[in-house]
Amino acid sequence: MIVLGIDPGSTSTGYGLLRFEEGRIIHIASGAIRPSRCLSFPVRLKAVYDGVMEVIGGAPVEAVAVEDVYQGANARTAARLGHVRGVILLAAAHASLPVAEYPPNEIKSAVTGNGLASKEQVSYMVRRILDLGDVMATLDESDAVAVAICHCHRTGTGAVR
């Protein structure tokens, strides 16, 4: 099974593709979709949608897991993240893929054992769990992979070794 984990953001949307094979989680690919800050917000949303569709089209994705909006965000930030999440959900629906949504503290807890872990701690544990060394280029990328790992733990479709 291949899961696409996504960490939404209007300037950087991280993604991570993981494969569950023989009881192990295997890192396939990860990265970030980064629309130019010079673009209008609607055009950045289109770039996120197009980027997610490109990732989905490049692998036999079977499920999408998305980080939910952080409750402590200010109203404007939460609204923008809501729009980004909307185009991600639309892309998944367009590809007829099931979507799971997880709050940030649940994702952090699944990867680090601490729902209040920092982004740096999450990145460290993602690299350690998947034996990646220093492969993750950005915190958005490692956060997205953490979303996919969380989905694996919560659905019982794979076990970390």
Protein backbone atom coordinates (compact mmCIF):
# COMPACT_ATOMS: atom_id res chain seq x y z
CA MET A 1 0.00 0.00 0.00
CA ILE A 2 1.27 3.50 -0.83
CA VAL A 3 0.21 6.46 1.33
CA LEU A 4 0.69 10.12 0.51
CA GLY A 5 1.14 12.29 3.62
CA ILE A 6 0.64 16.04 3.22
CA ASP A 7 1.55 18.99 5.47
CA PRO A 8 -0.48 21.92 4.04
CA GLY A 9 0.94 25.41 3.68
CA SER A 10 0.30 28.32 1.32
CA THR A 11 4.00 28.94 0.74
CA SER A 12 5.30 25.39 1.25
CA THR A 13 3.19 22.23 1.19
CA GLY A 14 5.22 19.21 2.20
CA TYR A 15 4.49 15.74 0.85
CA GLY A 16 5.79 12.28 1.62
CA LEU A 17 5.15 8.98 -0.11
CA LEU A 18 5.53 5.80 1.94
CA ARG A 19 5.08 2.16 0.99
CA PHE A 20 3.95 -0.52 3.42
CA GLU A 21 5.68 -3.74 2.45
CA GLU A 22 6.14 -6.93 4.47
CA GLY A 23 5.34 -5.16 7.74
CA ARG A 24 7.82 -2.33 7.11
CA ILE A 25 7.41 1.32 6.20
CA ILE A 26 9.59 2.29 3.25
CA HIS A 27 10.27 5.89 2.17
CA ILE A 28 9.62 6.32 -1.56
CA ALA A 29 9.87 10.06 -2.06
CA SER A 30 9.25 13.36 -0.33
CA GLY A 31 9.52 17.03 -1.06
CA ALA A 32 7.62 20.29 -1.01
CA ILE A 33 5.39 22.22 -3.37
CA ARG A 34 6.50 25.86 -3.19
CA PRO A 35 4.45 28.37 -5.15
CA SER A 36 6.15 31.73 -5.53
CA ARG A 37 5.20 34.27 -2.86
CA CYS A 38 4.86 36.78 -5.71
CA LEU A 39 1.76 34.98 -6.97
CA SER A 40 -1.72 35.91 -5.83
CA PHE A 41 -3.24 33.59 -3.25
CA PRO A 42 -5.71 32.00 -5.73
CA VAL A 43 -2.83 31.23 -8.12
CA ARG A 44 -0.81 29.70 -5.26
CA LEU A 45 -3.83 27.50 -4.47
CA LYS A 46 -3.87 26.33 -8.08
CA ALA A 47 -0.14 25.57 -7.87
CA VAL A 48 -0.71 23.46 -4.74
CA TYR A 49 -3.57 21.61 -6.45
CA ASP A 50 -1.48 21.00 -9.57
CA GLY A 51 1.48 19.87 -7.48
CA VAL A 52 -0.59 17.39 -5.46
CA MET A 53 -2.15 16.03 -8.66
CA GLU A 54 1.33 15.58 -10.13
CA VAL A 55 2.51 13.64 -7.05
CA ILE A 56 -0.64 11.48 -7.10
CA GLY A 57 -0.19 10.85 -10.82
CA GLY A 58 3.44 9.83 -10.38
CA ALA A 59 2.82 6.90 -8.01
CA PRO A 60 0.08 4.33 -7.39
CA VAL A 61 -1.20 6.18 -4.31
CA GLU A 62 -3.92 4.32 -2.41
CA ALA A 63 -4.63 6.74 0.46
CA VAL A 64 -4.00 10.37 1.37
CA ALA A 65 -3.35 11.58 4.93
CA VAL A 66 -3.50 15.31 5.66
CA GLU A 67 -2.58 17.36 8.71
CA ASP A 68 -5.58 19.19 10.16
CA VAL A 69 -5.54 22.93 10.92
CA TYR A 70 -3.63 23.84 14.07
CA GLN A 71 -6.19 25.13 16.59
CA GLY A 72 -3.89 27.83 17.98
CA ALA A 73 -3.45 29.55 14.62
CA ASN A 74 -4.83 33.04 14.26
CA ALA A 75 -8.04 33.39 12.25
CA ARG A 76 -6.41 34.63 9.04
CA THR A 77 -3.78 31.87 9.08
CA ALA A 78 -6.40 29.23 9.85
CA ALA A 79 -8.58 30.46 6.99
CA ARG A 80 -5.66 30.35 4.52
CA LEU A 81 -4.70 26.86 5.69
CA GLY A 82 -8.33 25.86 5.29
CA HIS A 83 -8.23 26.97 1.65
CA VAL A 84 -4.99 25.04 1.06
CA ARG A 85 -6.45 21.95 2.73
CA GLY A 86 -9.53 22.36 0.53
CA VAL A 87 -7.57 22.15 -2.72
CA ILE A 88 -5.64 19.14 -1.33
CA LEU A 89 -8.90 17.40 -0.43
CA LEU A 90 -10.26 18.28 -3.88
CA ALA A 91 -7.19 16.75 -5.55
CA ALA A 92 -7.63 13.54 -3.53
CA ALA A 93 -11.35 13.41 -4.35
CA HIS A 94 -10.59 14.07 -8.01
CA ALA A 95 -8.29 11.01 -7.94
CA SER A 96 -10.97 9.00 -6.04
CA LEU A 97 -8.63 8.45 -3.09
CA PRO A 98 -9.71 8.03 0.54
CA VAL A 99 -8.54 10.81 2.86
CA ALA A 100 -7.65 10.67 6.55
CA GLU A 101 -7.15 13.86 8.57
CA TYR A 102 -5.05 14.06 11.74
CA PRO A 103 -4.51 16.87 14.24
CA PRO A 104 -0.89 18.02 14.69
CA ASN A 105 -0.57 16.68 18.26
CA GLU A 106 -1.70 13.20 17.16
CA ILE A 107 0.90 13.19 14.37
CA LYS A 108 3.66 14.31 16.74
CA SER A 109 2.63 11.71 19.29
CA ALA A 110 2.63 8.91 16.69
CA VAL A 111 6.19 9.74 15.66
CA THR A 112 7.86 11.00 18.85
CA GLY A 113 5.60 9.81 21.66
CA ASN A 114 5.05 13.47 22.62
CA GLY A 115 2.13 15.48 21.23
CA LEU A 116 3.97 18.72 21.99
CA ALA A 117 7.22 17.81 20.18
CA SER A 118 8.99 20.48 18.13
CA LYS A 119 9.28 20.31 14.34
CA GLU A 120 12.98 19.52 14.81
CA GLN A 121 12.17 16.57 17.08
CA VAL A 122 9.64 15.27 14.55
CA SER A 123 12.20 15.59 11.76
CA TYR A 124 14.83 13.75 13.80
CA MET A 125 12.45 10.87 14.61
CA VAL A 126 11.17 10.58 11.02
CA ARG A 127 14.75 10.23 9.78
CA ARG A 128 15.54 7.75 12.51
CA ILE A 129 12.38 5.64 12.07
CA LEU A 130 12.93 5.35 8.32
CA ASP A 131 16.76 5.17 8.55
CA LEU A 132 17.15 8.16 6.24
CA GLY A 133 20.16 9.95 7.70
CA ASP A 134 19.91 13.60 6.65
CA VAL A 135 17.73 13.08 3.56
CA MET A 136 14.88 15.45 4.58
CA ALA A 137 15.53 18.85 3.06
CA THR A 138 12.89 20.83 4.99
CA LEU A 139 10.75 20.60 8.08
CA ASP A 140 7.64 20.72 5.85
CA GLU A 141 8.88 17.59 4.10
CA SER A 142 9.57 15.69 7.33
CA ASP A 143 6.21 16.83 8.76
CA ALA A 144 4.46 15.38 5.70
CA VAL A 145 6.28 12.07 6.09
CA ALA A 146 5.23 12.11 9.77
CA VAL A 147 1.59 12.46 8.65
CA ALA A 148 1.97 9.33 6.52
CA ILE A 149 3.65 7.46 9.42
CA CYS A 150 0.79 8.52 11.70
CA HIS A 151 -1.71 7.15 9.20
CA CYS A 152 0.19 3.87 9.14
CA HIS A 153 0.09 3.62 12.94
CA ARG A 154 -3.57 4.63 13.23
CA THR A 155 -4.84 2.29 10.54
CA GLY A 156 -2.57 -0.60 11.45
CA THR A 157 -1.47 -1.02 7.85
CA GLY A 158 2.22 -1.10 8.67
CA ALA A 159 4.66 -1.38 11.53
CA VAL A 160 7.87 0.53 12.02
CA ARG A 161 10.95 -1.65 12.43
